[in-house]
């Protein structure tokens, strides 16, 4: 059986950490943030962590 190819769009968005969790950049933090609260802008700077069920499904395509 041939190897499964990497889904390039998904691999560019998600990053795999050493402990196996998948992270992604939180959306909505690039521009037009003047109307948002400081807390909301600050929270979008960090990385989002994918849920366990979603991560197990997407690990095979990365």
C-alpha atoms as a PDB file:
ATOM      1  CA  UNK A   1       0.000   0.000   0.000  1.00  0.00           C
ATOM      2  CA  UNK A   2       1.431   3.445  -0.898  1.00  0.00           C
ATOM      3  CA  UNK A   3       2.265   6.090   1.671  1.00  0.00           C
ATOM      4  CA  UNK A   4      -0.300   8.758   2.486  1.00  0.00           C
ATOM      5  CA  UNK A   5       0.642  12.165   1.138  1.00  0.00           C
ATOM      6  CA  UNK A   6       0.918  15.185   3.414  1.00  0.00           C
ATOM      7  CA  UNK A   7      -1.945  17.663   3.119  1.00  0.00           C
ATOM      8  CA  UNK A   8       0.119  20.800   2.434  1.00  0.00           C
ATOM      9  CA  UNK A   9      -2.498  23.399   3.432  1.00  0.00           C
ATOM     10  CA  UNK A  10      -3.029  21.731   6.819  1.00  0.00           C
ATOM     11  CA  UNK A  11       0.686  21.285   7.460  1.00  0.00           C
ATOM     12  CA  UNK A  12       1.287  25.011   6.889  1.00  0.00           C
ATOM     13  CA  UNK A  13      -1.367  25.992   9.443  1.00  0.00           C
ATOM     14  CA  UNK A  14      -0.853  23.424  12.209  1.00  0.00           C
ATOM     15  CA  UNK A  15       2.392  22.841  14.105  1.00  0.00           C
ATOM     16  CA  UNK A  16       3.110  19.708  16.089  1.00  0.00           C
ATOM     17  CA  UNK A  17       4.672  20.172  19.538  1.00  0.00           C
ATOM     18  CA  UNK A  18       7.013  17.699  21.246  1.00  0.00           C
ATOM     19  CA  UNK A  19       4.245  16.378  23.484  1.00  0.00           C
ATOM     20  CA  UNK A  20       2.074  15.628  20.434  1.00  0.00           C
ATOM     21  CA  UNK A  21      -0.452  18.477  20.671  1.00  0.00           C
ATOM     22  CA  UNK A  22      -1.273  20.500  17.582  1.00  0.00           C
ATOM     23  CA  UNK A  23      -1.199  24.301  17.729  1.00  0.00           C
ATOM     24  CA  UNK A  24      -2.361  27.006  15.326  1.00  0.00           C
ATOM     25  CA  UNK A  25      -2.301  30.806  15.097  1.00  0.00           C
ATOM     26  CA  UNK A  26      -5.439  32.388  16.543  1.00  0.00           C
ATOM     27  CA  UNK A  27      -7.313  34.400  13.910  1.00  0.00           C
ATOM     28  CA  UNK A  28      -8.326  38.044  14.019  1.00  0.00           C
ATOM     29  CA  UNK A  29      -5.187  39.645  15.407  1.00  0.00           C
ATOM     30  CA  UNK A  30      -3.539  41.265  12.401  1.00  0.00           C
ATOM     31  CA  UNK A  31      -5.434  44.481  11.713  1.00  0.00           C
ATOM     32  CA  UNK A  32      -8.566  46.398  12.724  1.00  0.00           C
ATOM     33  CA  UNK A  33      -7.900  45.668  16.377  1.00  0.00           C
ATOM     34  CA  UNK A  34      -8.592  49.207  17.585  1.00  0.00           C
ATOM     35  CA  UNK A  35     -12.208  48.382  18.354  1.00  0.00           C
ATOM     36  CA  UNK A  36     -11.275  45.319  20.402  1.00  0.00           C
ATOM     37  CA  UNK A  37     -10.394  45.322  24.057  1.00  0.00           C
ATOM     38  CA  UNK A  38      -6.737  45.071  25.077  1.00  0.00           C
ATOM     39  CA  UNK A  39      -7.421  41.673  26.611  1.00  0.00           C
ATOM     40  CA  UNK A  40      -8.848  40.304  23.361  1.00  0.00           C
ATOM     41  CA  UNK A  41      -5.870  41.540  21.309  1.00  0.00           C
ATOM     42  CA  UNK A  42      -3.438  40.117  23.856  1.00  0.00           C
ATOM     43  CA  UNK A  43      -5.094  36.705  23.867  1.00  0.00           C
ATOM     44  CA  UNK A  44      -4.913  36.471  20.078  1.00  0.00           C
ATOM     45  CA  UNK A  45      -1.129  36.829  20.156  1.00  0.00           C
ATOM     46  CA  UNK A  46      -0.758  33.343  21.573  1.00  0.00           C
ATOM     47  CA  UNK A  47      -1.273  29.980  19.980  1.00  0.00           C
ATOM     48  CA  UNK A  48      -4.482  27.999  20.010  1.00  0.00           C
ATOM     49  CA  UNK A  49      -4.450  24.329  20.958  1.00  0.00           C
ATOM     50  CA  UNK A  50      -6.526  21.877  18.963  1.00  0.00           C
ATOM     51  CA  UNK A  51      -8.991  19.656  20.810  1.00  0.00           C
ATOM     52  CA  UNK A  52      -7.898  16.073  21.475  1.00  0.00           C
ATOM     53  CA  UNK A  53     -10.415  14.522  19.073  1.00  0.00           C
ATOM     54  CA  UNK A  54      -9.591  16.898  16.242  1.00  0.00           C
ATOM     55  CA  UNK A  55      -5.861  16.461  16.813  1.00  0.00           C
ATOM     56  CA  UNK A  56      -5.999  12.676  16.590  1.00  0.00           C
ATOM     57  CA  UNK A  57      -7.927  12.916  13.324  1.00  0.00           C
ATOM     58  CA  UNK A  58      -5.544  15.441  11.741  1.00  0.00           C
ATOM     59  CA  UNK A  59      -2.212  13.939  12.852  1.00  0.00           C
ATOM     60  CA  UNK A  60      -2.389  11.422  10.029  1.00  0.00           C
ATOM     61  CA  UNK A  61      -2.534  14.122   7.343  1.00  0.00           C
ATOM     62  CA  UNK A  62       0.399  16.169   8.636  1.00  0.00           C
END
